[in-house]
């Protein structure tokens, strides 16, 4: 079991047809959703298939990981994990 230190989550595998509202509604089963944002490609104006959800507490974020990771959302399996700050991510080439 991973212990979450903050309340921001990375969500991968989001269906391309999903909206921010769909994401928020899906995560509301795990607790209070502060914000839900699907990342959009600026050039094509289409979903990139991932996004971020902020829960109201680290405990609710952990609950979301425990209950929603590897679950089906609108026909696709999503991955839920603690969001990493940009400086902690490996650099792209």
PDB file of N, CA and C in Angstrom:
ATOM      1  N   UNK A   1       0.843  -1.187   0.000  1.00  0.00           N
ATOM      2  CA  UNK A   1       0.000   0.000   0.000  1.00  0.00           C
ATOM      3  C   UNK A   1       0.887   1.249   0.000  1.00  0.00           C
ATOM      4  N   UNK A   2       0.603   2.129  -0.898  1.00  0.00           N
ATOM      5  CA  UNK A   2       1.327   3.394  -0.992  1.00  0.00           C
ATOM      6  C   UNK A   2       0.605   4.426  -0.135  1.00  0.00           C
ATOM      7  N   UNK A   3       1.354   5.186   0.626  1.00  0.00           N
ATOM      8  CA  UNK A   3       0.737   6.240   1.422  1.00  0.00           C
ATOM      9  C   UNK A   3       0.871   7.559   0.663  1.00  0.00           C
ATOM     10  N   UNK A   4      -0.245   8.182   0.367  1.00  0.00           N
ATOM     11  CA  UNK A   4      -0.275   9.430  -0.393  1.00  0.00           C
ATOM     12  C   UNK A   4       0.030  10.594   0.547  1.00  0.00           C
ATOM     13  N   UNK A   5       0.922  11.487   0.101  1.00  0.00           N
ATOM     14  CA  UNK A   5       1.311  12.631   0.918  1.00  0.00           C
ATOM     15  C   UNK A   5       0.566  13.904   0.532  1.00  0.00           C
ATOM     16  N   UNK A   6      -0.066  13.901  -0.623  1.00  0.00           N
ATOM     17  CA  UNK A   6      -0.853  15.082  -1.005  1.00  0.00           C
ATOM     18  C   UNK A   6      -2.185  14.611  -1.588  1.00  0.00           C
ATOM     19  N   UNK A   7      -2.976  15.543  -2.052  1.00  0.00           N
ATOM     20  CA  UNK A   7      -4.321  15.165  -2.503  1.00  0.00           C
ATOM     21  C   UNK A   7      -4.491  15.283  -4.018  1.00  0.00           C
ATOM     22  N   UNK A   8      -3.387  15.387  -4.757  1.00  0.00           N
ATOM     23  CA  UNK A   8      -3.468  15.492  -6.218  1.00  0.00           C
ATOM     24  C   UNK A   8      -3.114  14.153  -6.862  1.00  0.00           C
ATOM     25  N   UNK A   9      -3.949  13.761  -7.817  1.00  0.00           N
ATOM     26  CA  UNK A   9      -3.800  12.463  -8.467  1.00  0.00           C
ATOM     27  C   UNK A   9      -3.604  12.603  -9.965  1.00  0.00           C
ATOM     28  N   UNK A  10      -2.785  11.704 -10.521  1.00  0.00           N
ATOM     29  CA  UNK A  10      -2.632  11.565 -11.969  1.00  0.00           C
ATOM     30  C   UNK A  10      -3.580  10.451 -12.397  1.00  0.00           C
ATOM     31  N   UNK A  11      -4.295  10.667 -13.484  1.00  0.00           N
ATOM     32  CA  UNK A  11      -5.213   9.656 -14.015  1.00  0.00           C
ATOM     33  C   UNK A  11      -4.854   9.403 -15.468  1.00  0.00           C
ATOM     34  N   UNK A  12      -4.484   8.179 -15.797  1.00  0.00           N
ATOM     35  CA  UNK A  12      -4.145   7.801 -17.163  1.00  0.00           C
ATOM     36  C   UNK A  12      -5.193   6.869 -17.741  1.00  0.00           C
ATOM     37  N   UNK A  13      -5.257   6.815 -19.057  1.00  0.00           N
ATOM     38  CA  UNK A  13      -6.204   5.923 -19.730  1.00  0.00           C
ATOM     39  C   UNK A  13      -7.618   6.456 -19.777  1.00  0.00           C
ATOM     40  N   UNK A  14      -7.763   7.758 -19.609  1.00  0.00           N
ATOM     41  CA  UNK A  14      -9.108   8.359 -19.635  1.00  0.00           C
ATOM     42  C   UNK A  14      -9.684   8.243 -21.042  1.00  0.00           C
ATOM     43  N   UNK A  15     -10.942   7.816 -21.155  1.00  0.00           N
ATOM     44  CA  UNK A  15     -11.558   7.740 -22.488  1.00  0.00           C
ATOM     45  C   UNK A  15     -11.506   9.102 -23.190  1.00  0.00           C
ATOM     46  N   UNK A  16     -11.221   9.087 -24.479  1.00  0.00           N
ATOM     47  CA  UNK A  16     -11.086  10.340 -25.234  1.00  0.00           C
ATOM     48  C   UNK A  16     -12.397  11.117 -25.309  1.00  0.00           C
ATOM     49  N   UNK A  17     -13.511  10.421 -25.126  1.00  0.00           N
ATOM     50  CA  UNK A  17     -14.810  11.094 -25.176  1.00  0.00           C
ATOM     51  C   UNK A  17     -15.220  11.682 -23.830  1.00  0.00           C
ATOM     52  N   UNK A  18     -14.452  11.426 -22.775  1.00  0.00           N
ATOM     53  CA  UNK A  18     -14.810  11.893 -21.435  1.00  0.00           C
ATOM     54  C   UNK A  18     -14.584  13.399 -21.290  1.00  0.00           C
ATOM     55  N   UNK A  19     -15.410  14.010 -20.442  1.00  0.00           N
ATOM     56  CA  UNK A  19     -15.280  15.439 -20.139  1.00  0.00           C
ATOM     57  C   UNK A  19     -14.741  15.604 -18.714  1.00  0.00           C
ATOM     58  N   UNK A  20     -14.364  16.831 -18.383  1.00  0.00           N
ATOM     59  CA  UNK A  20     -13.949  17.120 -17.006  1.00  0.00           C
ATOM     60  C   UNK A  20     -15.050  16.720 -16.026  1.00  0.00           C
ATOM     61  N   UNK A  21     -16.295  16.975 -16.410  1.00  0.00           N
ATOM     62  CA  UNK A  21     -17.448  16.625 -15.573  1.00  0.00           C
ATOM     63  C   UNK A  21     -17.555  15.117 -15.358  1.00  0.00           C
ATOM     64  N   UNK A  22     -17.328  14.340 -16.428  1.00  0.00           N
ATOM     65  CA  UNK A  22     -17.353  12.874 -16.321  1.00  0.00           C
ATOM     66  C   UNK A  22     -16.292  12.403 -15.329  1.00  0.00           C
ATOM     67  N   UNK A  23     -15.107  12.995 -15.423  1.00  0.00           N
ATOM     68  CA  UNK A  23     -14.005  12.623 -14.540  1.00  0.00           C
ATOM     69  C   UNK A  23     -14.358  12.960 -13.088  1.00  0.00           C
ATOM     70  N   UNK A  24     -14.895  14.130 -12.869  1.00  0.00           N
ATOM     71  CA  UNK A  24     -15.286  14.549 -11.522  1.00  0.00           C
ATOM     72  C   UNK A  24     -16.358  13.615 -10.953  1.00  0.00           C
ATOM     73  N   UNK A  25     -17.355  13.301 -11.750  1.00  0.00           N
ATOM     74  CA  UNK A  25     -18.425  12.405 -11.297  1.00  0.00           C
ATOM     75  C   UNK A  25     -17.891  11.017 -10.969  1.00  0.00           C
ATOM     76  N   UNK A  26     -16.980  10.508 -11.774  1.00  0.00           N
ATOM     77  CA  UNK A  26     -16.408   9.181 -11.554  1.00  0.00           C
ATOM     78  C   UNK A  26     -15.654   9.135 -10.222  1.00  0.00           C
ATOM     79  N   UNK A  27     -14.880  10.178  -9.946  1.00  0.00           N
ATOM     80  CA  UNK A  27     -14.060  10.207  -8.722  1.00  0.00           C
ATOM     81  C   UNK A  27     -14.857  10.576  -7.477  1.00  0.00           C
ATOM     82  N   UNK A  28     -16.056  11.114  -7.639  1.00  0.00           N
ATOM     83  CA  UNK A  28     -16.848  11.512  -6.471  1.00  0.00           C
ATOM     84  C   UNK A  28     -17.233  10.322  -5.594  1.00  0.00           C
ATOM     85  N   UNK A  29     -17.186   9.118  -6.138  1.00  0.00           N
ATOM     86  CA  UNK A  29     -17.478   7.931  -5.321  1.00  0.00           C
ATOM     87  C   UNK A  29     -16.395   7.685  -4.269  1.00  0.00           C
ATOM     88  N   UNK A  30     -15.212   8.283  -4.454  1.00  0.00           N
ATOM     89  CA  UNK A  30     -14.095   8.087  -3.523  1.00  0.00           C
ATOM     90  C   UNK A  30     -13.989   9.213  -2.502  1.00  0.00           C
ATOM     91  N   UNK A  31     -14.780  10.279  -2.665  1.00  0.00           N
ATOM     92  CA  UNK A  31     -14.710  11.402  -1.742  1.00  0.00           C
ATOM     93  C   UNK A  31     -15.052  12.702  -2.447  1.00  0.00           C
ATOM     94  N   UNK A  32     -14.692  13.798  -1.792  1.00  0.00           N
ATOM     95  CA  UNK A  32     -14.997  15.124  -2.326  1.00  0.00           C
ATOM     96  C   UNK A  32     -13.939  15.535  -3.349  1.00  0.00           C
ATOM     97  N   UNK A  33     -14.376  15.814  -4.567  1.00  0.00           N
ATOM     98  CA  UNK A  33     -13.474  16.241  -5.639  1.00  0.00           C
ATOM     99  C   UNK A  33     -13.398  17.767  -5.642  1.00  0.00           C
ATOM    100  N   UNK A  34     -12.180  18.288  -5.483  1.00  0.00           N
ATOM    101  CA  UNK A  34     -11.961  19.734  -5.516  1.00  0.00           C
ATOM    102  C   UNK A  34     -11.902  20.207  -6.960  1.00  0.00           C
ATOM    103  N   UNK A  35     -11.174  19.454  -7.802  1.00  0.00           N
ATOM    104  CA  UNK A  35     -11.085  19.792  -9.224  1.00  0.00           C
ATOM    105  C   UNK A  35     -10.762  18.539 -10.029  1.00  0.00           C
ATOM    106  N   UNK A  36     -11.154  18.563 -11.299  1.00  0.00           N
ATOM    107  CA  UNK A  36     -10.872  17.467 -12.228  1.00  0.00           C
ATOM    108  C   UNK A  36     -10.600  18.087 -13.589  1.00  0.00           C
ATOM    109  N   UNK A  37      -9.458  17.772 -14.165  1.00  0.00           N
ATOM    110  CA  UNK A  37      -9.059  18.400 -15.431  1.00  0.00           C
ATOM    111  C   UNK A  37      -8.440  17.367 -16.358  1.00  0.00           C
ATOM    112  N   UNK A  38      -9.020  17.232 -17.532  1.00  0.00           N
ATOM    113  CA  UNK A  38      -8.457  16.388 -18.582  1.00  0.00           C
ATOM    114  C   UNK A  38      -7.557  17.280 -19.430  1.00  0.00           C
ATOM    115  N   UNK A  39      -6.366  16.793 -19.729  1.00  0.00           N
ATOM    116  CA  UNK A  39      -5.403  17.570 -20.508  1.00  0.00           C
ATOM    117  C   UNK A  39      -5.768  17.490 -21.995  1.00  0.00           C
ATOM    118  N   UNK A  40      -5.823  18.656 -22.616  1.00  0.00           N
ATOM    119  CA  UNK A  40      -6.226  18.782 -24.023  1.00  0.00           C
ATOM    120  C   UNK A  40      -5.013  19.184 -24.871  1.00  0.00           C
ATOM    121  N   UNK A  41      -4.857  18.545 -26.027  1.00  0.00           N
ATOM    122  CA  UNK A  41      -3.816  18.918 -26.982  1.00  0.00           C
ATOM    123  C   UNK A  41      -4.181  20.269 -27.586  1.00  0.00           C
ATOM    124  N   UNK A  42      -3.278  21.238 -27.464  1.00  0.00           N
ATOM    125  CA  UNK A  42      -3.572  22.599 -27.932  1.00  0.00           C
ATOM    126  C   UNK A  42      -3.720  22.685 -29.448  1.00  0.00           C
ATOM    127  N   UNK A  43      -3.030  21.816 -30.174  1.00  0.00           N
ATOM    128  CA  UNK A  43      -3.090  21.893 -31.634  1.00  0.00           C
ATOM    129  C   UNK A  43      -4.337  21.227 -32.206  1.00  0.00           C
ATOM    130  N   UNK A  44      -4.734  20.092 -31.606  1.00  0.00           N
ATOM    131  CA  UNK A  44      -5.883  19.358 -32.145  1.00  0.00           C
ATOM    132  C   UNK A  44      -7.167  19.616 -31.348  1.00  0.00           C
ATOM    133  N   UNK A  45      -7.028  20.206 -30.167  1.00  0.00           N
ATOM    134  CA  UNK A  45      -8.163  20.472 -29.280  1.00  0.00           C
ATOM    135  C   UNK A  45      -8.874  19.182 -28.864  1.00  0.00           C
ATOM    136  N   UNK A  46      -8.097  18.076 -28.806  1.00  0.00           N
ATOM    137  CA  UNK A  46      -8.644  16.782 -28.392  1.00  0.00           C
ATOM    138  C   UNK A  46      -7.959  16.325 -27.112  1.00  0.00           C
ATOM    139  N   UNK A  47      -8.626  15.463 -26.393  1.00  0.00           N
ATOM    140  CA  UNK A  47      -8.091  14.917 -25.149  1.00  0.00           C
ATOM    141  C   UNK A  47      -6.797  14.155 -25.411  1.00  0.00           C
ATOM    142  N   UNK A  48      -5.850  14.265 -24.475  1.00  0.00           N
ATOM    143  CA  UNK A  48      -4.620  13.475 -24.548  1.00  0.00           C
ATOM    144  C   UNK A  48      -4.771  12.141 -23.816  1.00  0.00           C
ATOM    145  N   UNK A  49      -5.944  11.914 -23.204  1.00  0.00           N
ATOM    146  CA  UNK A  49      -6.198  10.638 -22.536  1.00  0.00           C
ATOM    147  C   UNK A  49      -5.665  10.558 -21.114  1.00  0.00           C
ATOM    148  N   UNK A  50      -5.251  11.683 -20.555  1.00  0.00           N
ATOM    149  CA  UNK A  50      -4.860  11.699 -19.151  1.00  0.00           C
ATOM    150  C   UNK A  50      -5.273  13.019 -18.527  1.00  0.00           C
ATOM    151  N   UNK A  51      -5.233  13.052 -17.206  1.00  0.00           N
ATOM    152  CA  UNK A  51      -5.632  14.266 -16.515  1.00  0.00           C
ATOM    153  C   UNK A  51      -5.271  14.210 -15.051  1.00  0.00           C
ATOM    154  N   UNK A  52      -5.798  15.161 -14.307  1.00  0.00           N
ATOM    155  CA  UNK A  52      -5.480  15.284 -12.889  1.00  0.00           C
ATOM    156  C   UNK A  52      -6.758  15.527 -12.104  1.00  0.00           C
ATOM    157  N   UNK A  53      -6.809  14.918 -10.929  1.00  0.00           N
ATOM    158  CA  UNK A  53      -7.937  15.098 -10.024  1.00  0.00           C
ATOM    159  C   UNK A  53      -7.366  15.515  -8.674  1.00  0.00           C
ATOM    160  N   UNK A  54      -7.964  16.528  -8.081  1.00  0.00           N
ATOM    161  CA  UNK A  54      -7.582  16.940  -6.737  1.00  0.00           C
ATOM    162  C   UNK A  54      -8.714  16.578  -5.797  1.00  0.00           C
ATOM    163  N   UNK A  55      -8.406  15.769  -4.791  1.00  0.00           N
ATOM    164  CA  UNK A  55      -9.383  15.392  -3.776  1.00  0.00           C
ATOM    165  C   UNK A  55      -9.244  16.358  -2.599  1.00  0.00           C
ATOM    166  N   UNK A  56     -10.207  16.343  -1.687  1.00  0.00           N
ATOM    167  CA  UNK A  56     -10.197  17.317  -0.594  1.00  0.00           C
ATOM    168  C   UNK A  56      -9.206  16.987   0.517  1.00  0.00           C
ATOM    169  N   UNK A  57      -8.674  15.753   0.545  1.00  0.00           N
ATOM    170  CA  UNK A  57      -7.703  15.380   1.577  1.00  0.00           C
ATOM    171  C   UNK A  57      -6.812  14.252   1.067  1.00  0.00           C
ATOM    172  N   UNK A  58      -5.628  14.079   1.682  1.00  0.00           N
ATOM    173  CA  UNK A  58      -4.776  12.942   1.312  1.00  0.00           C
ATOM    174  C   UNK A  58      -5.457  11.596   1.545  1.00  0.00           C
ATOM    175  N   UNK A  59      -6.301  11.506   2.564  1.00  0.00           N
ATOM    176  CA  UNK A  59      -7.012  10.256   2.840  1.00  0.00           C
ATOM    177  C   UNK A  59      -7.987   9.913   1.717  1.00  0.00           C
ATOM    178  N   UNK A  60      -8.688  10.925   1.218  1.00  0.00           N
ATOM    179  CA  UNK A  60      -9.603  10.684   0.096  1.00  0.00           C
ATOM    180  C   UNK A  60      -8.831  10.364  -1.179  1.00  0.00           C
ATOM    181  N   UNK A  61      -7.677  10.991  -1.359  1.00  0.00           N
ATOM    182  CA  UNK A  61      -6.828  10.672  -2.520  1.00  0.00           C
ATOM    183  C   UNK A  61      -6.376   9.216  -2.447  1.00  0.00           C
ATOM    184  N   UNK A  62      -5.980   8.762  -1.266  1.00  0.00           N
ATOM    185  CA  UNK A  62      -5.579   7.358  -1.095  1.00  0.00           C
ATOM    186  C   UNK A  62      -6.759   6.437  -1.375  1.00  0.00           C
ATOM    187  N   UNK A  63      -7.938   6.812  -0.894  1.00  0.00           N
ATOM    188  CA  UNK A  63      -9.138   6.011  -1.152  1.00  0.00           C
ATOM    189  C   UNK A  63      -9.412   5.916  -2.650  1.00  0.00           C
ATOM    190  N   UNK A  64      -9.217   7.019  -3.378  1.00  0.00           N
ATOM    191  CA  UNK A  64      -9.431   7.009  -4.831  1.00  0.00           C
ATOM    192  C   UNK A  64      -8.450   6.053  -5.506  1.00  0.00           C
ATOM    193  N   UNK A  65      -7.191   6.063  -5.075  1.00  0.00           N
ATOM    194  CA  UNK A  65      -6.206   5.124  -5.647  1.00  0.00           C
ATOM    195  C   UNK A  65      -6.631   3.694  -5.345  1.00  0.00           C
ATOM    196  N   UNK A  66      -6.973   3.440  -4.088  1.00  0.00           N
ATOM    197  CA  UNK A  66      -7.333   2.074  -3.671  1.00  0.00           C
ATOM    198  C   UNK A  66      -8.573   1.542  -4.373  1.00  0.00           C
ATOM    199  N   UNK A  67      -9.558   2.411  -4.614  1.00  0.00           N
ATOM    200  CA  UNK A  67     -10.827   1.927  -5.152  1.00  0.00           C
ATOM    201  C   UNK A  67     -10.989   2.116  -6.662  1.00  0.00           C
ATOM    202  N   UNK A  68     -10.276   3.068  -7.263  1.00  0.00           N
ATOM    203  CA  UNK A  68     -10.515   3.367  -8.686  1.00  0.00           C
ATOM    204  C   UNK A  68      -9.387   2.959  -9.626  1.00  0.00           C
ATOM    205  N   UNK A  69      -8.177   2.710  -9.107  1.00  0.00           N
ATOM    206  CA  UNK A  69      -7.083   2.276  -9.973  1.00  0.00           C
ATOM    207  C   UNK A  69      -7.433   0.939 -10.621  1.00  0.00           C
ATOM    208  N   UNK A  70      -7.169   0.832 -11.910  1.00  0.00           N
ATOM    209  CA  UNK A  70      -7.469  -0.369 -12.711  1.00  0.00           C
ATOM    210  C   UNK A  70      -8.968  -0.662 -12.812  1.00  0.00           C
ATOM    211  N   UNK A  71      -9.782   0.374 -12.683  1.00  0.00           N
ATOM    212  CA  UNK A  71     -11.224   0.222 -12.861  1.00  0.00           C
ATOM    213  C   UNK A  71     -11.621   0.750 -14.243  1.00  0.00           C
ATOM    214  N   UNK A  72     -12.789   0.328 -14.690  1.00  0.00           N
ATOM    215  CA  UNK A  72     -13.267   0.739 -16.002  1.00  0.00           C
ATOM    216  C   UNK A  72     -14.055   2.040 -15.911  1.00  0.00           C
ATOM    217  N   UNK A  73     -13.678   2.992 -16.757  1.00  0.00           N
ATOM    218  CA  UNK A  73     -14.399   4.255 -16.878  1.00  0.00           C
ATOM    219  C   UNK A  73     -14.817   4.396 -18.336  1.00  0.00           C
ATOM    220  N   UNK A  74     -16.102   4.355 -18.590  1.00  0.00           N
ATOM    221  CA  UNK A  74     -16.629   4.521 -19.946  1.00  0.00           C
ATOM    222  C   UNK A  74     -15.927   3.597 -20.954  1.00  0.00           C
ATOM    223  N   UNK A  75     -15.685   2.352 -20.539  1.00  0.00           N
ATOM    224  CA  UNK A  75     -15.119   1.354 -21.439  1.00  0.00           C
ATOM    225  C   UNK A  75     -13.605   1.255 -21.470  1.00  0.00           C
ATOM    226  N   UNK A  76     -12.896   2.078 -20.694  1.00  0.00           N
ATOM    227  CA  UNK A  76     -11.424   2.007 -20.659  1.00  0.00           C
ATOM    228  C   UNK A  76     -10.941   1.823 -19.234  1.00  0.00           C
ATOM    229  N   UNK A  77      -9.870   1.055 -19.080  1.00  0.00           N
ATOM    230  CA  UNK A  77      -9.262   0.858 -17.769  1.00  0.00           C
ATOM    231  C   UNK A  77      -8.392   2.066 -17.456  1.00  0.00           C
ATOM    232  N   UNK A  78      -8.629   2.678 -16.307  1.00  0.00           N
ATOM    233  CA  UNK A  78      -7.839   3.848 -15.936  1.00  0.00           C
ATOM    234  C   UNK A  78      -6.771   3.476 -14.908  1.00  0.00           C
ATOM    235  N   UNK A  79      -5.723   4.258 -14.880  1.00  0.00           N
ATOM    236  CA  UNK A  79      -4.649   4.135 -13.898  1.00  0.00           C
ATOM    237  C   UNK A  79      -4.690   5.378 -13.025  1.00  0.00           C
ATOM    238  N   UNK A  80      -4.683   5.177 -11.725  1.00  0.00           N
ATOM    239  CA  UNK A  80      -4.737   6.291 -10.780  1.00  0.00           C
ATOM    240  C   UNK A  80      -3.528   6.203  -9.866  1.00  0.00           C
ATOM    241  N   UNK A  81      -2.780   7.293  -9.775  1.00  0.00           N
ATOM    242  CA  UNK A  81      -1.614   7.336  -8.896  1.00  0.00           C
ATOM    243  C   UNK A  81      -1.411   8.755  -8.378  1.00  0.00           C
ATOM    244  N   UNK A  82      -0.549   8.878  -7.389  1.00  0.00           N
ATOM    245  CA  UNK A  82      -0.247  10.201  -6.846  1.00  0.00           C
ATOM    246  C   UNK A  82       0.441  11.024  -7.930  1.00  0.00           C
ATOM    247  N   UNK A  83      -0.006  12.260  -8.110  1.00  0.00           N
ATOM    248  CA  UNK A  83       0.618  13.147  -9.096  1.00  0.00           C
ATOM    249  C   UNK A  83       2.008  13.530  -8.601  1.00  0.00           C
ATOM    250  N   UNK A  84       2.960  13.530  -9.509  1.00  0.00           N
ATOM    251  CA  UNK A  84       4.335  13.902  -9.188  1.00  0.00           C
ATOM    252  C   UNK A  84       4.580  15.338  -9.618  1.00  0.00           C
ATOM    253  N   UNK A  85       5.255  16.119  -8.775  1.00  0.00           N
ATOM    254  CA  UNK A  85       5.610  17.480  -9.210  1.00  0.00           C
ATOM    255  C   UNK A  85       6.481  17.432 -10.462  1.00  0.00           C
ATOM    256  N   UNK A  86       6.379  18.442 -11.300  1.00  0.00           N
ATOM    257  CA  UNK A  86       7.117  18.448 -12.565  1.00  0.00           C
ATOM    258  C   UNK A  86       8.613  18.241 -12.371  1.00  0.00           C
ATOM    259  N   UNK A  87       9.209  18.794 -11.304  1.00  0.00           N
ATOM    260  CA  UNK A  87      10.654  18.665 -11.113  1.00  0.00           C
ATOM    261  C   UNK A  87      11.062  17.248 -10.731  1.00  0.00           C
ATOM    262  N   UNK A  88      10.108  16.406 -10.297  1.00  0.00           N
ATOM    263  CA  UNK A  88      10.416  15.023  -9.930  1.00  0.00           C
ATOM    264  C   UNK A  88      10.303  14.057 -11.099  1.00  0.00           C
ATOM    265  N   UNK A  89       9.810  14.537 -12.234  1.00  0.00           N
ATOM    266  CA  UNK A  89       9.637  13.668 -13.390  1.00  0.00           C
ATOM    267  C   UNK A  89      10.921  13.610 -14.200  1.00  0.00           C
ATOM    268  N   UNK A  90      11.180  12.476 -14.872  1.00  0.00           N
ATOM    269  CA  UNK A  90      12.365  12.408 -15.738  1.00  0.00           C
ATOM    270  C   UNK A  90      12.232  13.382 -16.909  1.00  0.00           C
ATOM    271  N   UNK A  91      13.344  13.907 -17.344  1.00  0.00           N
ATOM    272  CA  UNK A  91      13.350  14.852 -18.474  1.00  0.00           C
ATOM    273  C   UNK A  91      13.112  14.110 -19.779  1.00  0.00           C
ATOM    274  N   UNK A  92      12.387  14.760 -20.679  1.00  0.00           N
ATOM    275  CA  UNK A  92      12.177  14.208 -22.026  1.00  0.00           C
ATOM    276  C   UNK A  92      13.258  14.731 -22.947  1.00  0.00           C
ATOM    277  N   UNK A  93      13.556  13.934 -23.958  1.00  0.00           N
ATOM    278  CA  UNK A  93      14.573  14.360 -24.932  1.00  0.00           C
ATOM    279  C   UNK A  93      13.945  14.869 -26.190  1.00  0.00           C
TER     280      UNK A  93
END
